[in-house]
Amino acid sequence: MTFQHHTAPYKDSPIDSKLAGLSLRMASILSKALEGVEITQEDAETLFSCTHEEADALFHVADLVRQMRCGNKASYVVTRNINFTNVCNMGCQFCNFGVSKNAPNAEFLSVDAVALRALEAHQRGATEICVQGGLHPDISADYYFELLDAVKREVPQIHIHAYSPFEVWYGAMKGRYSYRDFLTKLKAHGLSSMPGTAAEILDTQVRRQLTKNKLSTENWVEIIETAHQVGIRTTSTIMYGHIDGPSHWAAHLCLLRDIQKRTGGFTEFVPLGFIHYDSPLYRNNPEQVRTGPTQDEHFKMHAIARLVLQGHIDNIQASWVKMGPDTASAMLRAGANDLGGTLMNESISRAAGAKHGQEVVPADMEKLILQAGLSPYQRNTLYEEVISSKKVINHPLLCSAQDRIPVRFSA
């Protein structure tokens, strides 16, 4: 796979001189962040409005905070996404993944088929499988348990990262379990951690338009916090660039921070840009719905997340599936410290019209991280290093510990 070098997203002058040239309000917010002082929801919303020199300073501060929290290294995980069914009766407007159970392209994998895919992933070096599926009308709560059992029998050592809060809501409803009882039973059957997807935007008015509020903000928060309480760690996410805006983004980030203060159960934050191409939300409302985030908004989301969440959620992932490999690489110098998974399969973003491929291999991930001037390492789901990357001595793309100014790349 061929990648192009990106320039760093900010200019190479000292941060003190940049802050001195800003408005008192903007300089105050960024100075607080550099000192590790918590910024407010209002502060975060103000940062989303920054332009030109202000944005340049924001990205630089985010990079410095990333270096302080994570060092001059960035990570990736070898994983496989397994979507066990594309049948879904929820009809979320932003999603083009779900089909009816009678559709000619309907799929519903047996638990043995899922286990075989997990084995294949393990044989290719995966430490994790990420398992999610649509909300099939005929699925039973037992399927969720049986799938975990089948994978654990076939590949007992693999980490099973599975079932979004929407799936937990659905499985608990189908089996007449409380969230706590369902999650406790999932853990007993081998669930290792959960994706914190189905968050979209944690705002009631926006969710009513996206999903008819079928999984409310309150339900999402309750399921996530209950998962953390029973010992299941989760990721956290946002989906942005549709009918939302800076006030929603700032509130969403601060809500995630509040949850983390209570539970400590989030492993990472993953911004996910809206893919509009084939989504019903855009097709049916092209004049009201945006065509996804701008490049500037991608950088701001990762940078501001770094500042809002620092000290609470210190792993910020840049999704190469959503943004493309080169943009994701550049995001590593604007607050992010992780490139996510090598994947092997990914159906949901492609169903919505995503233009990027299904897989990059570890060597590609390491090249993208080196391209950003950082040192790569392979991690597991819980951000523990599992395989040390080959040491690169005096590599021209690596920044030294003394040089915290970003490397400049030719376009």
Protein backbone atom coordinates (compact mmCIF):
# COMPACT_ATOMS: atom_id res chain seq x y z
CA MET A 1 0.00 0.00 0.00
CA THR A 2 1.42 3.42 -0.95
CA PHE A 3 1.04 6.46 1.30
CA GLN A 4 1.92 10.10 0.76
CA HIS A 5 3.82 12.15 3.33
CA HIS A 6 1.71 14.87 4.99
CA THR A 7 2.99 18.10 6.44
CA ALA A 8 2.53 18.64 10.16
CA PRO A 9 -0.77 20.43 10.86
CA TYR A 10 0.84 23.46 12.53
CA LYS A 11 3.78 25.81 12.04
CA ASP A 12 7.14 25.23 13.68
CA SER A 13 7.44 28.38 15.82
CA PRO A 14 7.54 28.15 19.65
CA ILE A 15 4.22 27.71 21.42
CA ASP A 16 4.82 30.66 23.78
CA SER A 17 5.03 33.09 20.89
CA LYS A 18 1.87 31.64 19.38
CA LEU A 19 -0.12 32.02 22.60
CA ALA A 20 1.10 35.62 22.99
CA GLY A 21 -0.51 36.51 19.67
CA LEU A 22 -3.96 35.15 20.51
CA SER A 23 -6.99 36.72 22.18
CA LEU A 24 -6.89 36.62 25.98
CA ARG A 25 -9.76 34.11 26.05
CA MET A 26 -8.18 31.67 23.60
CA ALA A 27 -4.71 31.98 25.11
CA SER A 28 -6.16 31.37 28.59
CA ILE A 29 -7.91 28.13 27.54
CA LEU A 30 -4.84 26.74 25.79
CA SER A 31 -2.54 27.75 28.64
CA LYS A 32 -4.81 25.95 31.10
CA ALA A 33 -4.67 22.83 28.97
CA LEU A 34 -0.86 22.98 28.78
CA GLU A 35 -0.74 23.18 32.57
CA GLY A 36 -3.05 20.16 32.92
CA VAL A 37 -5.94 22.23 34.27
CA GLU A 38 -9.40 20.91 33.35
CA ILE A 39 -11.12 22.93 30.63
CA THR A 40 -14.87 23.46 30.75
CA GLN A 41 -17.62 22.60 28.27
CA GLU A 42 -17.79 26.29 27.37
CA ASP A 43 -14.02 26.31 26.82
CA ALA A 44 -14.29 23.30 24.52
CA GLU A 45 -17.06 24.91 22.47
CA THR A 46 -14.94 28.05 22.13
CA LEU A 47 -12.02 25.98 20.83
CA PHE A 48 -14.21 24.48 18.10
CA SER A 49 -14.73 28.02 16.75
CA CYS A 50 -11.03 28.79 16.40
CA THR A 51 -9.57 29.79 13.03
CA HIS A 52 -6.17 30.39 11.42
CA GLU A 53 -3.53 31.25 14.06
CA GLU A 54 -5.82 30.04 16.84
CA ALA A 55 -6.25 26.64 15.18
CA ASP A 56 -2.51 26.44 14.58
CA ALA A 57 -1.91 27.00 18.30
CA LEU A 58 -4.65 24.48 19.23
CA PHE A 59 -3.05 21.70 17.19
CA HIS A 60 0.40 22.51 18.57
CA VAL A 61 -0.86 22.47 22.19
CA ALA A 62 -2.69 19.18 21.55
CA ASP A 63 0.53 17.67 20.22
CA LEU A 64 2.48 18.85 23.25
CA VAL A 65 -0.14 17.45 25.64
CA ARG A 66 -0.09 14.17 23.71
CA GLN A 67 3.69 14.04 24.14
CA MET A 68 3.39 14.76 27.86
CA ARG A 69 0.70 12.09 28.38
CA CYS A 70 1.89 9.38 25.96
CA GLY A 71 5.49 10.11 24.99
CA ASN A 72 6.82 10.11 21.44
CA LYS A 73 5.23 6.84 20.42
CA ALA A 74 1.98 5.68 18.86
CA SER A 75 0.22 2.34 18.73
CA TYR A 76 -1.93 -0.01 16.70
CA VAL A 77 -3.66 -3.35 17.33
CA VAL A 78 -3.90 -6.42 15.11
CA THR A 79 -7.57 -7.31 15.02
CA ARG A 80 -10.38 -8.69 12.89
CA ASN A 81 -13.87 -7.24 12.66
CA ILE A 82 -16.57 -9.90 12.46
CA ASN A 83 -20.07 -8.67 11.65
CA PHE A 84 -22.18 -11.74 12.39
CA THR A 85 -25.36 -10.41 10.77
CA ASN A 86 -26.28 -7.48 8.57
CA VAL A 87 -29.98 -7.95 9.35
CA CYS A 88 -31.29 -5.15 11.54
CA ASN A 89 -34.78 -3.92 12.30
CA MET A 90 -33.81 -0.60 13.93
CA GLY A 91 -33.63 1.51 10.77
CA CYS A 92 -31.08 4.06 12.03
CA GLN A 93 -31.00 6.91 9.52
CA PHE A 94 -27.23 7.33 9.42
CA CYS A 95 -26.59 3.64 8.67
CA ASN A 96 -26.75 1.75 5.37
CA PHE A 97 -25.50 -1.52 6.86
CA GLY A 98 -28.77 -3.11 7.99
CA VAL A 99 -31.10 -5.03 5.65
CA SER A 100 -34.34 -6.94 6.20
CA LYS A 101 -34.10 -10.64 6.97
CA ASN A 102 -35.68 -11.48 3.59
CA ALA A 103 -33.23 -9.39 1.58
CA PRO A 104 -31.19 -11.33 -0.99
CA ASN A 105 -27.96 -10.14 0.63
CA ALA A 106 -29.04 -10.94 4.19
CA GLU A 107 -26.40 -12.74 6.27
CA PHE A 108 -26.52 -14.40 9.67
CA LEU A 109 -23.42 -16.36 10.66
CA SER A 110 -23.58 -19.42 12.85
CA VAL A 111 -21.55 -19.29 16.03
CA ASP A 112 -19.21 -21.91 14.53
CA ALA A 113 -18.60 -19.69 11.50
CA VAL A 114 -17.71 -16.79 13.81
CA ALA A 115 -15.34 -19.06 15.74
CA LEU A 116 -13.64 -20.15 12.51
CA ARG A 117 -13.06 -16.52 11.53
CA ALA A 118 -11.62 -15.89 14.98
CA LEU A 119 -9.23 -18.81 14.48
CA GLU A 120 -8.16 -17.46 11.09
CA ALA A 121 -7.51 -14.07 12.68
CA HIS A 122 -5.43 -15.61 15.44
CA GLN A 123 -3.39 -17.54 12.90
CA ARG A 124 -2.62 -14.24 11.18
CA GLY A 125 -1.39 -12.69 14.40
CA ALA A 126 -4.53 -11.01 15.73
CA THR A 127 -4.71 -10.51 19.48
CA GLU A 128 -8.33 -9.37 19.30
CA ILE A 129 -11.57 -9.90 17.43
CA CYS A 130 -14.21 -7.18 17.36
CA VAL A 131 -17.66 -8.76 17.05
CA GLN A 132 -20.80 -6.77 16.31
CA GLY A 133 -23.99 -7.32 14.36
CA GLY A 134 -27.36 -5.92 13.49
CA LEU A 135 -30.39 -6.35 15.73
CA HIS A 136 -31.88 -9.37 13.97
CA PRO A 137 -35.60 -9.84 14.80
CA ASP A 138 -35.14 -13.62 15.26
CA ILE A 139 -32.02 -13.51 17.41
CA SER A 140 -32.25 -14.80 20.97
CA ALA A 141 -30.32 -13.68 24.02
CA ASP A 142 -28.71 -17.12 24.06
CA TYR A 143 -27.01 -16.47 20.70
CA TYR A 144 -24.84 -13.80 22.33
CA PHE A 145 -23.68 -16.31 24.97
CA GLU A 146 -23.26 -19.20 22.51
CA LEU A 147 -21.10 -17.08 20.20
CA LEU A 148 -18.71 -16.28 23.05
CA ASP A 149 -18.60 -19.95 24.06
CA ALA A 150 -17.80 -21.06 20.50
CA VAL A 151 -14.95 -18.57 20.11
CA LYS A 152 -13.45 -19.44 23.48
CA ARG A 153 -13.52 -23.15 22.64
CA GLU A 154 -11.75 -22.55 19.32
CA VAL A 155 -9.32 -19.79 20.36
CA PRO A 156 -9.25 -19.54 24.16
CA GLN A 157 -6.44 -16.98 24.23
CA ILE A 158 -8.01 -14.34 21.95
CA HIS A 159 -9.49 -11.17 23.40
CA ILE A 160 -13.19 -10.87 22.50
CA HIS A 161 -14.16 -7.22 22.09
CA ALA A 162 -17.86 -7.43 21.33
CA TYR A 163 -21.41 -6.12 21.50
CA SER A 164 -22.22 -2.42 21.44
CA PRO A 165 -24.53 -0.89 24.07
CA PHE A 166 -27.35 -1.14 21.51
CA GLU A 167 -26.77 -4.90 21.26
CA VAL A 168 -26.67 -5.18 25.04
CA TRP A 169 -29.95 -3.25 25.25
CA TYR A 170 -31.46 -5.60 22.65
CA GLY A 171 -30.12 -8.84 24.12
CA ALA A 172 -31.22 -7.88 27.62
CA MET A 173 -34.68 -7.05 26.31
CA LYS A 174 -34.97 -10.29 24.34
CA GLY A 175 -33.87 -12.39 27.33
CA ARG A 176 -35.72 -10.29 29.92
CA TYR A 177 -32.52 -9.61 31.80
CA SER A 178 -31.51 -6.50 33.67
CA TYR A 179 -28.50 -4.79 32.10
CA ARG A 180 -26.37 -5.87 35.06
CA ASP A 181 -27.43 -9.51 34.86
CA PHE A 182 -26.98 -9.67 31.08
CA LEU A 183 -23.55 -8.06 31.20
CA THR A 184 -22.46 -10.25 34.11
CA LYS A 185 -23.48 -13.34 32.16
CA LEU A 186 -21.71 -12.13 29.01
CA LYS A 187 -18.52 -11.68 31.02
CA ALA A 188 -18.87 -15.17 32.49
CA HIS A 189 -19.12 -16.58 28.94
CA GLY A 190 -15.88 -14.88 27.86
CA LEU A 191 -16.64 -11.27 26.89
CA SER A 192 -13.41 -9.35 27.48
CA SER A 193 -14.37 -5.77 26.59
CA MET A 194 -17.01 -3.80 24.67
CA PRO A 195 -16.98 -1.22 21.89
CA GLY A 196 -18.50 2.03 23.08
CA THR A 197 -20.28 2.56 19.79
CA ALA A 198 -23.99 3.45 19.37
CA ALA A 199 -23.10 6.68 21.18
CA GLU A 200 -23.40 8.76 17.98
CA ILE A 201 -24.10 12.13 19.68
CA LEU A 202 -25.25 11.89 23.29
CA ASP A 203 -27.94 14.53 22.83
CA THR A 204 -31.64 13.67 22.94
CA GLN A 205 -32.78 16.00 20.15
CA VAL A 206 -30.11 14.82 17.73
CA ARG A 207 -30.66 11.15 18.62
CA ARG A 208 -34.38 11.47 17.86
CA GLN A 209 -33.47 12.36 14.29
CA LEU A 210 -30.73 9.74 13.96
CA THR A 211 -32.34 6.72 15.63
CA LYS A 212 -35.78 7.89 16.86
CA ASN A 213 -34.07 7.75 20.28
CA LYS A 214 -34.49 3.96 20.42
CA LEU A 215 -31.38 3.80 22.57
CA SER A 216 -31.57 6.97 24.62
CA THR A 217 -28.60 8.86 26.01
CA GLU A 218 -29.67 7.73 29.48
CA ASN A 219 -29.76 4.06 28.41
CA TRP A 220 -26.35 4.31 26.71
CA VAL A 221 -24.80 5.84 29.82
CA GLU A 222 -26.47 3.29 32.13
CA ILE A 223 -25.25 0.33 30.04
CA ILE A 224 -21.70 1.70 29.78
CA GLU A 225 -21.45 2.47 33.48
CA THR A 226 -22.92 -0.92 34.39
CA ALA A 227 -20.40 -2.64 32.12
CA HIS A 228 -17.59 -0.80 33.89
CA GLN A 229 -19.03 -1.72 37.29
CA VAL A 230 -19.06 -5.46 36.49
CA GLY A 231 -15.48 -5.31 35.18
CA ILE A 232 -16.00 -4.95 31.43
CA ARG A 233 -13.94 -2.09 30.02
CA THR A 234 -15.17 -0.22 26.94
CA THR A 235 -14.07 2.24 24.33
CA SER A 236 -15.84 5.58 23.90
CA THR A 237 -16.84 7.17 20.59
CA ILE A 238 -18.54 10.08 18.87
CA MET A 239 -20.02 10.24 15.36
CA TYR A 240 -19.88 13.80 14.05
CA GLY A 241 -20.49 15.82 10.91
CA HIS A 242 -24.21 15.28 10.13
CA ILE A 243 -26.91 17.32 11.93
CA ASP A 244 -24.76 18.15 14.92
CA GLY A 245 -22.44 20.99 15.82
CA PRO A 246 -19.85 22.34 18.29
CA SER A 247 -22.25 22.65 21.23
CA HIS A 248 -23.15 18.96 20.90
CA TRP A 249 -19.49 17.94 20.50
CA ALA A 250 -18.35 19.84 23.59
CA ALA A 251 -21.19 18.44 25.71
CA HIS A 252 -20.48 14.91 24.47
CA LEU A 253 -16.79 15.10 25.37
CA CYS A 254 -17.53 16.46 28.85
CA LEU A 255 -20.14 13.75 29.47
CA LEU A 256 -17.57 11.08 28.60
CA ARG A 257 -15.11 12.73 30.96
CA ASP A 258 -17.69 12.71 33.75
CA ILE A 259 -18.39 9.00 33.20
CA GLN A 260 -14.67 8.26 33.31
CA LYS A 261 -14.32 10.13 36.59
CA ARG A 262 -17.01 7.89 38.07
CA THR A 263 -15.90 4.54 36.64
CA GLY A 264 -12.42 4.66 35.08
CA GLY A 265 -13.63 2.07 32.58
CA PHE A 266 -12.90 3.70 29.21
CA THR A 267 -9.76 2.50 27.41
CA GLU A 268 -9.80 5.08 24.61
CA PHE A 269 -11.78 7.71 22.72
CA VAL A 270 -12.45 7.18 19.02
CA PRO A 271 -13.84 10.06 16.90
CA LEU A 272 -15.78 8.66 13.94
CA GLY A 273 -16.63 11.01 11.11
CA PHE A 274 -20.04 10.59 9.49
CA ILE A 275 -19.91 8.80 6.11
CA HIS A 276 -22.75 10.34 4.12
CA TYR A 277 -22.55 8.76 0.65
CA ASP A 278 -25.14 5.97 0.91
CA SER A 279 -26.78 6.79 4.24
CA PRO A 280 -30.59 7.32 4.29
CA LEU A 281 -30.09 10.37 6.52
CA TYR A 282 -28.28 12.19 3.72
CA ARG A 283 -30.15 10.69 0.75
CA ASN A 284 -33.50 11.72 2.20
CA ASN A 285 -32.42 15.15 3.49
CA PRO A 286 -29.56 16.39 1.30
CA GLU A 287 -30.29 20.04 2.06
CA GLN A 288 -30.39 19.62 5.85
CA VAL A 289 -27.67 17.02 6.41
CA ARG A 290 -23.96 17.71 6.09
CA THR A 291 -21.66 15.57 3.98
CA GLY A 292 -19.50 14.59 6.92
CA PRO A 293 -16.86 16.59 8.80
CA THR A 294 -14.42 18.91 7.08
CA GLN A 295 -10.70 18.18 7.29
CA ASP A 296 -10.43 21.09 9.73
CA GLU A 297 -13.13 19.57 11.94
CA HIS A 298 -11.34 16.21 11.98
CA PHE A 299 -8.22 17.91 13.33
CA LYS A 300 -10.18 19.98 15.84
CA MET A 301 -12.11 16.98 17.16
CA HIS A 302 -8.95 14.99 17.89
CA ALA A 303 -7.09 17.99 19.30
CA ILE A 304 -9.90 19.21 21.55
CA ALA A 305 -10.64 15.68 22.74
CA ARG A 306 -7.00 15.43 23.81
CA LEU A 307 -7.32 18.60 25.88
CA VAL A 308 -10.76 17.86 27.39
CA LEU A 309 -9.99 14.24 28.24
CA GLN A 310 -6.34 14.51 29.34
CA GLY A 311 -5.66 12.68 32.57
CA HIS A 312 -8.91 10.77 32.21
CA ILE A 313 -8.96 9.14 28.76
CA ASP A 314 -5.42 9.44 27.46
CA ASN A 315 -5.68 7.23 24.39
CA ILE A 316 -7.13 9.06 21.38
CA GLN A 317 -7.55 6.99 18.23
CA ALA A 318 -7.44 8.26 14.66
CA SER A 319 -9.60 6.09 12.40
CA TRP A 320 -7.86 5.39 9.09
CA VAL A 321 -11.06 3.67 7.90
CA LYS A 322 -13.04 6.91 8.23
CA MET A 323 -10.40 9.48 7.27
CA GLY A 324 -7.90 7.57 5.15
CA PRO A 325 -4.40 6.45 6.17
CA ASP A 326 -2.54 9.67 5.43
CA THR A 327 -4.97 11.92 7.29
CA ALA A 328 -4.98 9.52 10.22
CA SER A 329 -1.18 9.65 10.26
CA ALA A 330 -1.21 13.46 10.35
CA MET A 331 -3.71 13.31 13.23
CA LEU A 332 -0.94 11.75 15.35
CA ARG A 333 0.62 15.24 15.53
CA ALA A 334 -2.67 16.92 16.48
CA GLY A 335 -3.58 14.97 19.61
CA ALA A 336 -4.04 11.32 18.62
CA ASN A 337 -1.69 8.55 19.77
CA ASP A 338 -3.24 5.45 18.17
CA LEU A 339 -4.21 4.30 14.67
CA GLY A 340 -6.66 1.57 15.72
CA GLY A 341 -6.75 -1.85 14.12
CA THR A 342 -5.40 -3.56 11.06
CA LEU A 343 -9.00 -4.85 10.81
CA MET A 344 -8.93 -7.64 8.15
CA ASN A 345 -12.67 -7.06 7.57
CA GLU A 346 -14.94 -4.03 7.97
CA SER A 347 -18.50 -3.92 6.66
CA ILE A 348 -20.33 -1.08 8.36
CA SER A 349 -18.34 1.89 7.03
CA ARG A 350 -18.11 0.34 3.56
CA ALA A 351 -21.90 -0.11 3.50
CA ALA A 352 -22.25 3.63 4.06
CA GLY A 353 -19.89 4.35 1.16
CA ALA A 354 -16.49 4.67 2.84
CA LYS A 355 -13.72 4.88 0.24
CA HIS A 356 -10.86 3.30 2.17
CA GLY A 357 -9.82 -0.34 2.14
CA GLN A 358 -10.58 -3.16 4.50
CA GLU A 359 -7.07 -3.83 5.74
CA VAL A 360 -3.63 -2.44 6.30
CA VAL A 361 -0.93 -4.77 7.61
CA PRO A 362 1.32 -4.08 10.64
CA ALA A 363 4.17 -2.88 8.42
CA ASP A 364 1.82 -0.27 6.92
CA MET A 365 0.76 0.87 10.39
CA GLU A 366 4.37 1.28 11.43
CA LYS A 367 5.15 3.25 8.29
CA LEU A 368 2.25 5.62 8.99
CA ILE A 369 3.43 6.16 12.56
CA LEU A 370 7.02 6.76 11.46
CA GLN A 371 5.65 9.14 8.84
CA ALA A 372 4.29 11.25 11.72
CA GLY A 373 7.68 11.29 13.42
CA LEU A 374 6.72 8.90 16.23
CA SER A 375 7.90 5.47 17.33
CA PRO A 376 5.46 2.62 16.58
CA TYR A 377 4.45 -0.27 18.78
CA GLN A 378 1.84 -3.01 18.65
CA ARG A 379 -0.60 -3.04 21.57
CA ASN A 380 -3.40 -5.24 22.81
CA THR A 381 -6.97 -4.08 23.46
CA LEU A 382 -6.07 -2.68 26.89
CA TYR A 383 -3.08 -0.71 25.54
CA GLU A 384 -0.40 -3.06 26.81
CA GLU A 385 2.57 -3.54 24.47
CA VAL A 386 2.56 -7.08 23.12
CA ILE A 387 5.20 -7.13 20.37
CA SER A 388 8.02 -4.63 20.31
CA SER A 389 8.53 -3.04 16.92
CA LYS A 390 12.01 -3.24 15.40
CA LYS A 391 14.13 -0.49 16.88
CA VAL A 392 14.93 2.24 14.39
CA ILE A 393 18.16 4.05 15.33
CA ASN A 394 18.43 7.66 14.15
CA HIS A 395 15.57 7.17 11.72
CA PRO A 396 15.10 10.47 9.83
CA LEU A 397 11.36 10.51 10.54
CA LEU A 398 11.68 10.15 14.32
CA CYS A 399 11.77 13.23 16.55
CA SER A 400 14.21 13.22 19.44
CA ALA A 401 13.24 13.59 23.09
CA GLN A 402 14.72 17.11 23.06
CA ASP A 403 13.00 18.21 19.87
CA ARG A 404 9.29 18.56 20.50
CA ILE A 405 8.69 20.60 17.36
CA PRO A 406 7.01 18.47 14.67
CA VAL A 407 8.96 17.08 11.76
CA ARG A 408 8.26 18.78 8.45
CA PHE A 409 7.40 16.54 5.51
CA SER A 410 7.45 17.35 1.82
CA ALA A 411 4.01 17.37 0.24
